[in-house]
Amino acid sequence: MARENKDAEYQARVKEHSREGRLSFQKFAEHKMRGEFKAQAMDKCQDSIKAFAECAEKQGLFVVFNCRKFHKKFQECMYEHNSNEAFERYKEEHKNDLDAKVLRT
């Protein structure tokens, strides 16, 4: 009887550990997908990023004061293309890719 309890406890721990592993693979795959999503957002906002970078390079320490409009455009673009809502839509659109990444990893 005591041996059966130990076997049951062992199996429960193994099952719990394997579940945790699957969950971490899911998180890892989402993390990779978030990186891909952010790279796409950066590509879409390349013009505003470049304009802000040029302004910052010219202004030096005065970047905070003199490049606000460029920074604001950059932030607006990134918010539009890199928001949590946009990422959730992206995840839904690429659900099959996410499932494939979880199974591969």
C-alpha atoms as a PDB file:
ATOM      1  CA  MET A   1       0.000   0.000   0.000  1.00  0.00           C
ATOM      2  CA  ALA A   2       2.786   2.456   0.909  1.00  0.00           C
ATOM      3  CA  ARG A   3       4.611   1.611  -2.323  1.00  0.00           C
ATOM      4  CA  GLU A   4       1.461   2.351  -4.352  1.00  0.00           C
ATOM      5  CA  ASN A   5       1.191   5.783  -2.683  1.00  0.00           C
ATOM      6  CA  LYS A   6       4.830   6.541  -3.527  1.00  0.00           C
ATOM      7  CA  ASP A   7       4.298   5.457  -7.139  1.00  0.00           C
ATOM      8  CA  ALA A   8       1.206   7.649  -7.376  1.00  0.00           C
ATOM      9  CA  GLU A   9       3.080  10.614  -5.907  1.00  0.00           C
ATOM     10  CA  TYR A  10       5.965  10.066  -8.304  1.00  0.00           C
ATOM     11  CA  GLN A  11       3.622   9.882 -11.299  1.00  0.00           C
ATOM     12  CA  ALA A  12       1.842  13.039 -10.151  1.00  0.00           C
ATOM     13  CA  ARG A  13       5.159  14.906  -9.902  1.00  0.00           C
ATOM     14  CA  VAL A  14       6.235  13.691 -13.342  1.00  0.00           C
ATOM     15  CA  LYS A  15       2.910  14.742 -14.837  1.00  0.00           C
ATOM     16  CA  GLU A  16       3.111  18.132 -13.149  1.00  0.00           C
ATOM     17  CA  HIS A  17       6.682  18.622 -14.390  1.00  0.00           C
ATOM     18  CA  SER A  18       5.787  17.725 -17.976  1.00  0.00           C
ATOM     19  CA  ARG A  19       2.831  20.134 -17.900  1.00  0.00           C
ATOM     20  CA  GLU A  20       5.125  22.888 -16.704  1.00  0.00           C
ATOM     21  CA  GLY A  21       7.471  22.122 -19.580  1.00  0.00           C
ATOM     22  CA  ARG A  22       4.678  22.425 -22.128  1.00  0.00           C
ATOM     23  CA  LEU A  23       3.634  25.734 -20.650  1.00  0.00           C
ATOM     24  CA  SER A  24       7.160  27.098 -20.808  1.00  0.00           C
ATOM     25  CA  PHE A  25       7.449  25.999 -24.468  1.00  0.00           C
ATOM     26  CA  GLN A  26       4.261  27.968 -25.145  1.00  0.00           C
ATOM     27  CA  LYS A  27       5.724  31.047 -23.461  1.00  0.00           C
ATOM     28  CA  PHE A  28       9.001  30.623 -25.346  1.00  0.00           C
ATOM     29  CA  ALA A  29       7.177  30.359 -28.678  1.00  0.00           C
ATOM     30  CA  GLU A  30       5.118  33.465 -27.865  1.00  0.00           C
ATOM     31  CA  HIS A  31       8.312  35.280 -26.935  1.00  0.00           C
ATOM     32  CA  LYS A  32       9.877  34.386 -30.292  1.00  0.00           C
ATOM     33  CA  MET A  33       6.699  35.432 -32.078  1.00  0.00           C
ATOM     34  CA  ARG A  34       6.710  38.759 -30.189  1.00  0.00           C
ATOM     35  CA  GLY A  35      10.264  39.373 -31.423  1.00  0.00           C
ATOM     36  CA  GLU A  36       9.229  38.719 -35.026  1.00  0.00           C
ATOM     37  CA  PHE A  37       6.204  40.990 -34.561  1.00  0.00           C
ATOM     38  CA  LYS A  38       8.358  43.790 -33.138  1.00  0.00           C
ATOM     39  CA  ALA A  39      10.807  43.491 -36.044  1.00  0.00           C
ATOM     40  CA  GLN A  40       7.911  43.907 -38.469  1.00  0.00           C
ATOM     41  CA  ALA A  41       6.704  46.958 -36.530  1.00  0.00           C
ATOM     42  CA  MET A  42      10.197  48.461 -36.688  1.00  0.00           C
ATOM     43  CA  ASP A  43      10.230  47.918 -40.455  1.00  0.00           C
ATOM     44  CA  LYS A  44       6.851  49.636 -40.808  1.00  0.00           C
ATOM     45  CA  CYS A  45       8.059  52.599 -38.726  1.00  0.00           C
ATOM     46  CA  GLN A  46      11.463  52.871 -40.381  1.00  0.00           C
ATOM     47  CA  ASP A  47      10.820  56.361 -41.765  1.00  0.00           C
ATOM     48  CA  SER A  48       9.855  57.872 -38.406  1.00  0.00           C
ATOM     49  CA  ILE A  49      12.736  56.061 -36.663  1.00  0.00           C
ATOM     50  CA  LYS A  50      15.194  57.399 -39.215  1.00  0.00           C
ATOM     51  CA  ALA A  51      13.848  60.962 -38.915  1.00  0.00           C
ATOM     52  CA  PHE A  52      14.126  60.859 -35.114  1.00  0.00           C
ATOM     53  CA  ALA A  53      17.639  59.380 -35.279  1.00  0.00           C
ATOM     54  CA  GLU A  54      18.813  62.091 -37.670  1.00  0.00           C
ATOM     55  CA  CYS A  55      17.354  64.798 -35.461  1.00  0.00           C
ATOM     56  CA  ALA A  56      18.930  63.259 -32.369  1.00  0.00           C
ATOM     57  CA  GLU A  57      22.310  63.051 -34.077  1.00  0.00           C
ATOM     58  CA  LYS A  58      22.173  66.731 -35.074  1.00  0.00           C
ATOM     59  CA  GLN A  59      20.830  68.053 -31.765  1.00  0.00           C
ATOM     60  CA  GLY A  60      23.002  66.131 -29.319  1.00  0.00           C
ATOM     61  CA  LEU A  61      22.033  66.984 -25.751  1.00  0.00           C
ATOM     62  CA  PHE A  62      19.147  69.146 -26.915  1.00  0.00           C
ATOM     63  CA  VAL A  63      17.393  66.126 -28.437  1.00  0.00           C
ATOM     64  CA  VAL A  64      14.848  66.161 -25.604  1.00  0.00           C
ATOM     65  CA  PHE A  65      13.675  69.644 -26.507  1.00  0.00           C
ATOM     66  CA  ASN A  66      14.248  69.914 -30.239  1.00  0.00           C
ATOM     67  CA  CYS A  67      13.149  66.474 -31.486  1.00  0.00           C
ATOM     68  CA  ARG A  68       9.830  66.095 -29.690  1.00  0.00           C
ATOM     69  CA  LYS A  69       7.729  66.055 -32.843  1.00  0.00           C
ATOM     70  CA  PHE A  70       9.888  63.306 -34.379  1.00  0.00           C
ATOM     71  CA  HIS A  71       9.802  61.310 -31.169  1.00  0.00           C
ATOM     72  CA  LYS A  72       6.036  61.679 -30.939  1.00  0.00           C
ATOM     73  CA  LYS A  73       5.580  60.421 -34.533  1.00  0.00           C
ATOM     74  CA  PHE A  74       7.901  57.514 -33.758  1.00  0.00           C
ATOM     75  CA  GLN A  75       5.942  56.631 -30.615  1.00  0.00           C
ATOM     76  CA  GLU A  76       2.594  56.876 -32.409  1.00  0.00           C
ATOM     77  CA  CYS A  77       3.788  54.611 -35.182  1.00  0.00           C
ATOM     78  CA  MET A  78       5.188  52.038 -32.748  1.00  0.00           C
ATOM     79  CA  TYR A  79       2.011  52.161 -30.672  1.00  0.00           C
ATOM     80  CA  GLU A  80      -0.061  51.509 -33.756  1.00  0.00           C
ATOM     81  CA  HIS A  81       2.086  48.625 -34.989  1.00  0.00           C
ATOM     82  CA  ASN A  82       3.471  47.224 -31.707  1.00  0.00           C
ATOM     83  CA  SER A  83       0.553  47.461 -29.266  1.00  0.00           C
ATOM     84  CA  ASN A  84      -0.772  44.521 -27.262  1.00  0.00           C
ATOM     85  CA  GLU A  85      -4.001  44.610 -29.248  1.00  0.00           C
ATOM     86  CA  ALA A  86      -2.106  44.413 -32.541  1.00  0.00           C
ATOM     87  CA  PHE A  87      -0.025  41.537 -31.156  1.00  0.00           C
ATOM     88  CA  GLU A  88      -3.164  39.635 -30.141  1.00  0.00           C
ATOM     89  CA  ARG A  89      -4.511  40.047 -33.685  1.00  0.00           C
ATOM     90  CA  TYR A  90      -1.139  38.915 -35.045  1.00  0.00           C
ATOM     91  CA  LYS A  91      -1.225  35.839 -32.793  1.00  0.00           C
ATOM     92  CA  GLU A  92      -4.691  34.942 -34.040  1.00  0.00           C
ATOM     93  CA  GLU A  93      -3.618  35.378 -37.659  1.00  0.00           C
ATOM     94  CA  HIS A  94      -0.520  33.232 -37.084  1.00  0.00           C
ATOM     95  CA  LYS A  95      -2.026  30.690 -34.694  1.00  0.00           C
ATOM     96  CA  ASN A  96      -0.847  27.775 -36.848  1.00  0.00           C
ATOM     97  CA  ASP A  97       2.714  29.116 -36.793  1.00  0.00           C
ATOM     98  CA  LEU A  98       2.582  29.397 -33.009  1.00  0.00           C
ATOM     99  CA  ASP A  99       1.320  25.829 -32.660  1.00  0.00           C
ATOM    100  CA  ALA A 100       4.070  24.587 -34.985  1.00  0.00           C
ATOM    101  CA  LYS A 101       6.742  26.414 -32.984  1.00  0.00           C
ATOM    102  CA  VAL A 102       5.464  24.923 -29.728  1.00  0.00           C
ATOM    103  CA  LEU A 103       5.543  21.419 -31.203  1.00  0.00           C
ATOM    104  CA  ARG A 104       9.023  21.878 -32.700  1.00  0.00           C
ATOM    105  CA  THR A 105      10.682  23.312 -29.596  1.00  0.00           C
END
